[in-house]
Amino acid sequence: MGMMRELYTQVIMDHYQRPRHRGELEGAELEEHLLNPLCGDEITVYANFDGDKVADVKFSGRGCSISQASASMMTERLLGKNREEAEAEISGFKEMMVGDKEFPEMDDLAALKGVIQYPSRIKCATLAWTAFQNGLEDR
């Protein structure tokens, strides 16, 4: 497990230090802010749509490496997806985080697998996803 754990840590640190799609979207069609009071992580997710499709997605915020890396991974997953696919990605990820669904092999998301052992961190990993889900429900 040692090598895998190291690899996973590298993936998380890569997303944390070089986040994908980090920034704000002025006048975004979807904008949702969430705070995890337990550890002070906060995330705002932004998206613009082209019809039903996520045409642009960004996130901003601050917090632990897990919440920020997971947000970065989420933007990569949701970009270009239609609403139904985005909802499926989010609920699928949340099922993984509670152990109801296997993580995809050879995927950046698999790096978050270790978080399951630390229930207090699961909220960090799902913060951005929940924010996006809330935003979709408000649309």
N, C-alpha and C. Protein backbone atom coordinates (compact mmCIF):
# COMPACT_ATOMS: atom_id res chain seq x y z
N MET A 1 0.84 -1.21 0.00
CA MET A 1 0.00 0.00 0.00
C MET A 1 0.88 1.26 0.00
N GLY A 2 2.09 1.13 0.51
CA GLY A 2 2.98 2.28 0.63
C GLY A 2 3.10 3.09 -0.64
N MET A 3 3.38 2.36 -1.74
CA MET A 3 3.59 3.07 -3.01
C MET A 3 2.32 3.76 -3.48
N MET A 4 1.20 3.07 -3.35
CA MET A 4 -0.07 3.65 -3.78
C MET A 4 -0.38 4.89 -2.95
N ARG A 5 -0.13 4.79 -1.65
CA ARG A 5 -0.44 5.93 -0.78
C ARG A 5 0.40 7.13 -1.20
N GLU A 6 1.65 6.85 -1.54
CA GLU A 6 2.54 7.92 -1.97
C GLU A 6 2.02 8.57 -3.25
N LEU A 7 1.60 7.71 -4.17
CA LEU A 7 1.08 8.19 -5.45
C LEU A 7 -0.17 9.04 -5.21
N TYR A 8 -1.06 8.55 -4.36
CA TYR A 8 -2.28 9.28 -4.05
C TYR A 8 -1.97 10.64 -3.43
N THR A 9 -1.01 10.65 -2.52
CA THR A 9 -0.62 11.90 -1.88
C THR A 9 -0.11 12.88 -2.92
N GLN A 10 0.66 12.37 -3.89
CA GLN A 10 1.19 13.23 -4.96
C GLN A 10 0.07 13.81 -5.80
N VAL A 11 -0.92 12.99 -6.11
CA VAL A 11 -2.05 13.46 -6.91
C VAL A 11 -2.79 14.57 -6.17
N ILE A 12 -3.04 14.35 -4.88
CA ILE A 12 -3.75 15.36 -4.08
C ILE A 12 -2.92 16.65 -4.01
N MET A 13 -1.62 16.52 -3.77
CA MET A 13 -0.78 17.71 -3.68
C MET A 13 -0.70 18.45 -5.01
N ASP A 14 -0.71 17.70 -6.10
CA ASP A 14 -0.66 18.31 -7.43
C ASP A 14 -1.90 19.18 -7.66
N HIS A 15 -3.05 18.63 -7.33
CA HIS A 15 -4.30 19.40 -7.50
C HIS A 15 -4.36 20.57 -6.53
N TYR A 16 -3.77 20.36 -5.35
CA TYR A 16 -3.80 21.41 -4.34
C TYR A 16 -2.88 22.57 -4.74
N GLN A 17 -1.69 22.23 -5.23
CA GLN A 17 -0.71 23.27 -5.56
C GLN A 17 -0.94 23.88 -6.94
N ARG A 18 -1.48 23.06 -7.85
CA ARG A 18 -1.76 23.55 -9.21
C ARG A 18 -3.21 23.27 -9.56
N PRO A 19 -4.12 23.95 -8.86
CA PRO A 19 -5.54 23.62 -9.06
C PRO A 19 -6.01 23.93 -10.47
N ARG A 20 -6.87 23.05 -10.99
CA ARG A 20 -7.47 23.25 -12.31
C ARG A 20 -8.69 24.16 -12.14
N HIS A 21 -8.85 25.05 -13.05
CA HIS A 21 -10.08 25.88 -13.09
C HIS A 21 -10.30 26.66 -11.80
N ARG A 22 -9.23 27.13 -11.20
CA ARG A 22 -9.41 27.94 -10.00
C ARG A 22 -9.63 29.39 -10.40
N GLY A 23 -10.56 30.05 -9.74
CA GLY A 23 -10.82 31.44 -10.05
C GLY A 23 -12.30 31.72 -9.87
N GLU A 24 -12.70 32.90 -10.26
CA GLU A 24 -14.11 33.26 -10.14
C GLU A 24 -14.69 33.50 -11.52
N LEU A 25 -15.98 33.30 -11.63
CA LEU A 25 -16.68 33.60 -12.88
C LEU A 25 -17.60 34.78 -12.60
N GLU A 26 -17.32 35.90 -13.23
CA GLU A 26 -18.18 37.07 -13.05
C GLU A 26 -19.57 36.76 -13.61
N GLY A 27 -20.59 37.10 -12.84
CA GLY A 27 -21.96 36.92 -13.31
C GLY A 27 -22.30 35.50 -13.69
N ALA A 28 -21.76 34.55 -12.93
CA ALA A 28 -22.00 33.13 -13.23
C ALA A 28 -23.49 32.79 -13.07
N GLU A 29 -23.95 31.86 -13.90
CA GLU A 29 -25.35 31.41 -13.81
C GLU A 29 -25.56 30.56 -12.56
N LEU A 30 -24.49 29.87 -12.16
CA LEU A 30 -24.55 29.10 -10.92
C LEU A 30 -23.42 29.60 -10.02
N GLU A 31 -23.78 29.99 -8.82
CA GLU A 31 -22.77 30.40 -7.85
C GLU A 31 -23.23 29.95 -6.48
N GLU A 32 -22.45 29.12 -5.84
CA GLU A 32 -22.87 28.54 -4.57
C GLU A 32 -21.69 28.49 -3.62
N HIS A 33 -21.91 28.99 -2.42
CA HIS A 33 -20.84 29.05 -1.41
C HIS A 33 -21.17 28.09 -0.29
N LEU A 34 -20.17 27.34 0.17
CA LEU A 34 -20.37 26.42 1.29
C LEU A 34 -19.19 26.51 2.24
N LEU A 35 -19.49 26.40 3.51
CA LEU A 35 -18.48 26.46 4.55
C LEU A 35 -18.55 25.17 5.35
N ASN A 36 -17.41 24.60 5.66
CA ASN A 36 -17.37 23.47 6.59
C ASN A 36 -16.91 24.02 7.93
N PRO A 37 -17.85 24.26 8.85
CA PRO A 37 -17.50 24.93 10.11
C PRO A 37 -16.51 24.12 10.95
N LEU A 38 -16.49 22.80 10.76
CA LEU A 38 -15.59 21.96 11.55
C LEU A 38 -14.13 22.32 11.36
N CYS A 39 -13.75 22.59 10.11
CA CYS A 39 -12.32 22.89 9.89
C CYS A 39 -12.10 24.20 9.16
N GLY A 40 -13.18 24.95 8.95
CA GLY A 40 -13.02 26.28 8.36
C GLY A 40 -12.77 26.30 6.86
N ASP A 41 -12.93 25.14 6.20
CA ASP A 41 -12.80 25.11 4.74
C ASP A 41 -13.96 25.87 4.13
N GLU A 42 -13.67 26.62 3.08
CA GLU A 42 -14.79 27.19 2.35
C GLU A 42 -14.54 27.12 0.86
N ILE A 43 -15.63 26.94 0.15
CA ILE A 43 -15.58 26.76 -1.29
C ILE A 43 -16.72 27.55 -1.92
N THR A 44 -16.43 28.22 -3.01
CA THR A 44 -17.50 28.76 -3.85
C THR A 44 -17.32 28.14 -5.23
N VAL A 45 -18.38 27.59 -5.77
CA VAL A 45 -18.33 27.03 -7.12
C VAL A 45 -19.13 27.92 -8.05
N TYR A 46 -18.64 28.00 -9.28
CA TYR A 46 -19.27 28.84 -10.31
C TYR A 46 -19.44 28.01 -11.57
N ALA A 47 -20.53 28.24 -12.28
CA ALA A 47 -20.66 27.59 -13.58
C ALA A 47 -21.51 28.43 -14.52
N ASN A 48 -21.17 28.33 -15.79
CA ASN A 48 -22.02 28.86 -16.84
C ASN A 48 -22.44 27.69 -17.72
N PHE A 49 -23.61 27.82 -18.30
CA PHE A 49 -24.17 26.72 -19.08
C PHE A 49 -24.37 27.13 -20.52
N ASP A 50 -24.27 26.13 -21.37
CA ASP A 50 -24.61 26.31 -22.77
C ASP A 50 -25.77 25.35 -22.99
N GLY A 51 -26.98 25.87 -22.93
CA GLY A 51 -28.14 24.98 -22.90
C GLY A 51 -28.10 24.21 -21.60
N ASP A 52 -27.95 22.90 -21.72
CA ASP A 52 -27.95 22.02 -20.56
C ASP A 52 -26.53 21.68 -20.11
N LYS A 53 -25.56 22.10 -20.89
CA LYS A 53 -24.18 21.66 -20.70
C LYS A 53 -23.36 22.63 -19.85
N VAL A 54 -22.52 22.07 -18.98
CA VAL A 54 -21.61 22.90 -18.19
C VAL A 54 -20.51 23.41 -19.13
N ALA A 55 -20.65 24.67 -19.52
CA ALA A 55 -19.72 25.25 -20.50
C ALA A 55 -18.46 25.78 -19.83
N ASP A 56 -18.61 26.21 -18.58
CA ASP A 56 -17.46 26.73 -17.84
C ASP A 56 -17.71 26.48 -16.37
N VAL A 57 -16.66 26.09 -15.67
CA VAL A 57 -16.81 25.82 -14.24
C VAL A 57 -15.53 26.25 -13.52
N LYS A 58 -15.70 26.91 -12.40
CA LYS A 58 -14.55 27.36 -11.62
C LYS A 58 -14.87 27.21 -10.14
N PHE A 59 -13.82 27.30 -9.33
CA PHE A 59 -14.04 27.30 -7.89
C PHE A 59 -13.04 28.24 -7.23
N SER A 60 -13.43 28.76 -6.10
CA SER A 60 -12.51 29.54 -5.30
C SER A 60 -12.74 29.15 -3.85
N GLY A 61 -11.82 29.53 -2.99
CA GLY A 61 -11.99 29.20 -1.59
C GLY A 61 -10.66 28.93 -0.95
N ARG A 62 -10.72 28.47 0.28
CA ARG A 62 -9.49 28.13 0.96
C ARG A 62 -9.79 27.02 1.94
N GLY A 63 -8.75 26.29 2.30
CA GLY A 63 -8.95 25.20 3.24
C GLY A 63 -7.89 24.14 3.06
N CYS A 64 -8.17 22.98 3.59
CA CYS A 64 -7.19 21.91 3.58
C CYS A 64 -6.96 21.39 2.17
N SER A 65 -5.87 20.65 2.03
CA SER A 65 -5.51 20.12 0.71
C SER A 65 -6.62 19.24 0.15
N ILE A 66 -7.32 18.53 1.02
CA ILE A 66 -8.34 17.60 0.53
C ILE A 66 -9.53 18.34 -0.07
N SER A 67 -10.00 19.37 0.62
CA SER A 67 -11.17 20.09 0.09
C SER A 67 -10.81 20.81 -1.21
N GLN A 68 -9.61 21.37 -1.28
CA GLN A 68 -9.23 22.13 -2.47
C GLN A 68 -8.89 21.21 -3.64
N ALA A 69 -8.21 20.11 -3.36
CA ALA A 69 -7.87 19.16 -4.42
C ALA A 69 -9.13 18.51 -4.99
N SER A 70 -10.06 18.19 -4.10
CA SER A 70 -11.30 17.56 -4.53
C SER A 70 -12.11 18.52 -5.41
N ALA A 71 -12.10 19.80 -5.06
CA ALA A 71 -12.81 20.80 -5.87
C ALA A 71 -12.18 20.89 -7.26
N SER A 72 -10.85 20.84 -7.31
CA SER A 72 -10.15 20.89 -8.58
C SER A 72 -10.52 19.68 -9.44
N MET A 73 -10.53 18.50 -8.82
CA MET A 73 -10.91 17.27 -9.55
C MET A 73 -12.34 17.37 -10.04
N MET A 74 -13.20 17.92 -9.22
CA MET A 74 -14.61 18.04 -9.59
C MET A 74 -14.78 18.90 -10.84
N THR A 75 -14.06 20.03 -10.91
CA THR A 75 -14.22 20.90 -12.08
C THR A 75 -13.82 20.14 -13.34
N GLU A 76 -12.78 19.32 -13.25
CA GLU A 76 -12.36 18.53 -14.42
C GLU A 76 -13.44 17.54 -14.82
N ARG A 77 -14.10 16.94 -13.82
CA ARG A 77 -15.13 15.94 -14.11
C ARG A 77 -16.39 16.56 -14.72
N LEU A 78 -16.75 17.75 -14.26
CA LEU A 78 -18.06 18.30 -14.63
C LEU A 78 -18.04 19.12 -15.91
N LEU A 79 -16.87 19.63 -16.28
CA LEU A 79 -16.78 20.46 -17.48
C LEU A 79 -17.24 19.68 -18.70
N GLY A 80 -18.18 20.27 -19.45
CA GLY A 80 -18.66 19.63 -20.67
C GLY A 80 -19.78 18.63 -20.46
N LYS A 81 -20.10 18.33 -19.20
CA LYS A 81 -21.18 17.38 -18.94
C LYS A 81 -22.53 18.11 -18.98
N ASN A 82 -23.57 17.37 -19.36
CA ASN A 82 -24.89 17.98 -19.26
C ASN A 82 -25.39 17.83 -17.82
N ARG A 83 -26.49 18.43 -17.54
CA ARG A 83 -26.99 18.48 -16.16
C ARG A 83 -27.15 17.09 -15.55
N GLU A 84 -27.76 16.20 -16.32
CA GLU A 84 -28.02 14.84 -15.83
C GLU A 84 -26.71 14.12 -15.52
N GLU A 85 -25.74 14.26 -16.42
CA GLU A 85 -24.42 13.63 -16.22
C GLU A 85 -23.71 14.23 -15.01
N ALA A 86 -23.83 15.54 -14.85
CA ALA A 86 -23.20 16.21 -13.72
C ALA A 86 -23.80 15.71 -12.41
N GLU A 87 -25.12 15.59 -12.39
CA GLU A 87 -25.79 15.09 -11.18
C GLU A 87 -25.35 13.67 -10.87
N ALA A 88 -25.19 12.85 -11.93
CA ALA A 88 -24.76 11.46 -11.74
C ALA A 88 -23.32 11.40 -11.22
N GLU A 89 -22.46 12.29 -11.74
CA GLU A 89 -21.07 12.35 -11.26
C GLU A 89 -21.03 12.68 -9.77
N ILE A 90 -21.85 13.66 -9.39
CA ILE A 90 -21.85 14.11 -7.99
C ILE A 90 -22.39 13.02 -7.07
N SER A 91 -23.52 12.42 -7.43
CA SER A 91 -24.06 11.40 -6.53
C SER A 91 -23.15 10.17 -6.52
N GLY A 92 -22.51 9.87 -7.66
CA GLY A 92 -21.56 8.75 -7.71
C GLY A 92 -20.39 8.99 -6.79
N PHE A 93 -19.86 10.21 -6.81
CA PHE A 93 -18.73 10.53 -5.95
C PHE A 93 -19.12 10.42 -4.48
N LYS A 94 -20.30 10.91 -4.15
CA LYS A 94 -20.74 10.84 -2.75
C LYS A 94 -20.94 9.39 -2.31
N GLU A 95 -21.38 8.53 -3.21
CA GLU A 95 -21.51 7.11 -2.88
C GLU A 95 -20.13 6.51 -2.62
N MET A 96 -19.14 6.91 -3.42
CA MET A 96 -17.77 6.43 -3.19
C MET A 96 -17.29 6.83 -1.81
N MET A 97 -17.59 8.07 -1.43
CA MET A 97 -17.09 8.60 -0.17
C MET A 97 -17.72 7.94 1.05
N VAL A 98 -18.89 7.32 0.88
CA VAL A 98 -19.47 6.59 2.00
C VAL A 98 -19.30 5.09 1.84
N GLY A 99 -18.53 4.70 0.82
CA GLY A 99 -18.20 3.29 0.65
C GLY A 99 -19.25 2.46 -0.07
N ASP A 100 -20.24 3.11 -0.69
CA ASP A 100 -21.28 2.37 -1.40
C ASP A 100 -20.91 2.07 -2.84
N LYS A 101 -19.82 2.66 -3.31
CA LYS A 101 -19.45 2.49 -4.71
C LYS A 101 -17.93 2.49 -4.81
N GLU A 102 -17.42 1.67 -5.73
CA GLU A 102 -15.97 1.58 -5.92
C GLU A 102 -15.43 2.83 -6.60
N PHE A 103 -14.24 3.21 -6.21
CA PHE A 103 -13.56 4.30 -6.91
C PHE A 103 -13.08 3.81 -8.25
N PRO A 104 -13.11 4.66 -9.29
CA PRO A 104 -12.59 4.25 -10.59
C PRO A 104 -11.08 4.06 -10.50
N GLU A 105 -10.60 2.98 -11.08
CA GLU A 105 -9.15 2.76 -11.09
C GLU A 105 -8.49 3.79 -12.00
N MET A 106 -7.23 4.07 -11.74
CA MET A 106 -6.44 4.94 -12.62
C MET A 106 -7.14 6.27 -12.89
N ASP A 107 -7.66 6.83 -11.84
CA ASP A 107 -8.37 8.08 -11.98
C ASP A 107 -7.94 8.95 -10.81
N ASP A 108 -7.84 10.24 -11.02
CA ASP A 108 -7.42 11.12 -9.93
C ASP A 108 -8.31 10.97 -8.70
N LEU A 109 -9.60 10.71 -8.93
CA LEU A 109 -10.52 10.60 -7.80
C LEU A 109 -10.12 9.48 -6.85
N ALA A 110 -9.46 8.44 -7.39
CA ALA A 110 -9.04 7.31 -6.56
C ALA A 110 -8.10 7.78 -5.45
N ALA A 111 -7.44 8.91 -5.66
CA ALA A 111 -6.52 9.43 -4.65
C ALA A 111 -7.25 9.83 -3.38
N LEU A 112 -8.57 10.02 -3.48
CA LEU A 112 -9.34 10.44 -2.32
C LEU A 112 -9.87 9.25 -1.51
N LYS A 113 -9.57 8.05 -2.01
CA LYS A 113 -10.05 6.82 -1.39
C LYS A 113 -9.65 6.73 0.09
N GLY A 114 -8.41 7.15 0.38
CA GLY A 114 -7.90 7.04 1.74
C GLY A 114 -8.69 7.87 2.74
N VAL A 115 -9.40 8.87 2.24
CA VAL A 115 -10.14 9.79 3.11
C VAL A 115 -11.26 9.06 3.85
N ILE A 116 -11.77 7.99 3.23
CA ILE A 116 -12.89 7.25 3.81
C ILE A 116 -12.58 6.79 5.23
N GLN A 117 -11.30 6.50 5.49
CA GLN A 117 -10.92 6.02 6.83
C GLN A 117 -11.04 7.12 7.88
N TYR A 118 -11.19 8.35 7.44
CA TYR A 118 -11.27 9.47 8.39
C TYR A 118 -12.59 10.19 8.21
N PRO A 119 -13.63 9.70 8.90
CA PRO A 119 -14.98 10.25 8.68
C PRO A 119 -15.05 11.77 8.76
N SER A 120 -14.21 12.38 9.61
CA SER A 120 -14.28 13.84 9.74
C SER A 120 -13.78 14.54 8.48
N ARG A 121 -13.01 13.82 7.65
CA ARG A 121 -12.47 14.43 6.43
C ARG A 121 -13.39 14.26 5.22
N ILE A 122 -14.37 13.39 5.35
CA ILE A 122 -15.25 13.12 4.21
C ILE A 122 -15.96 14.40 3.80
N LYS A 123 -16.33 15.19 4.80
CA LYS A 123 -17.03 16.44 4.50
C LYS A 123 -16.12 17.39 3.71
N CYS A 124 -14.81 17.34 4.01
CA CYS A 124 -13.85 18.17 3.27
C CYS A 124 -13.86 17.76 1.79
N ALA A 125 -13.84 16.45 1.57
CA ALA A 125 -13.75 15.93 0.20
C ALA A 125 -15.01 16.21 -0.59
N THR A 126 -16.15 16.26 0.09
CA THR A 126 -17.41 16.41 -0.64
C THR A 126 -17.92 17.85 -0.69
N LEU A 127 -17.19 18.76 -0.05
CA LEU A 127 -17.68 20.14 0.09
C LEU A 127 -18.04 20.79 -1.25
N ALA A 128 -17.11 20.77 -2.19
CA ALA A 128 -17.34 21.41 -3.48
C ALA A 128 -18.49 20.73 -4.23
N TRP A 129 -18.53 19.40 -4.11
CA TRP A 129 -19.55 18.62 -4.82
C TRP A 129 -20.94 18.95 -4.30
N THR A 130 -21.05 19.08 -2.98
CA THR A 130 -22.33 19.43 -2.38
C THR A 130 -22.74 20.84 -2.79
N ALA A 131 -21.76 21.74 -2.83
CA ALA A 131 -22.06 23.12 -3.25
C ALA A 131 -22.61 23.12 -4.68
N PHE A 132 -21.97 22.35 -5.56
CA PHE A 132 -22.43 22.32 -6.96
C PHE A 132 -23.82 21.71 -7.05
N GLN A 133 -24.03 20.65 -6.27
CA GLN A 133 -25.34 19.99 -6.25
C GLN A 133 -26.42 20.97 -5.79
N ASN A 134 -26.14 21.71 -4.73
CA ASN A 134 -27.08 22.73 -4.25
C ASN A 134 -27.38 23.74 -5.34
N GLY A 135 -26.34 24.16 -6.04
CA GLY A 135 -26.49 25.13 -7.12
C GLY A 135 -27.38 24.61 -8.23
N LEU A 136 -27.21 23.33 -8.56
CA LEU A 136 -28.04 22.71 -9.61
C LEU A 136 -29.49 22.66 -9.18
N GLU A 137 -29.71 22.37 -7.91
CA GLU A 137 -31.09 22.27 -7.41
C GLU A 137 -31.79 23.62 -7.43
N ASP A 138 -31.00 24.69 -7.30
CA ASP A 138 -31.59 26.03 -7.31
C ASP A 138 -31.88 26.54 -8.71
N ARG A 139 -31.36 25.82 -9.70
CA ARG A 139 -31.50 26.31 -11.07
C ARG A 139 -32.88 26.06 -11.66
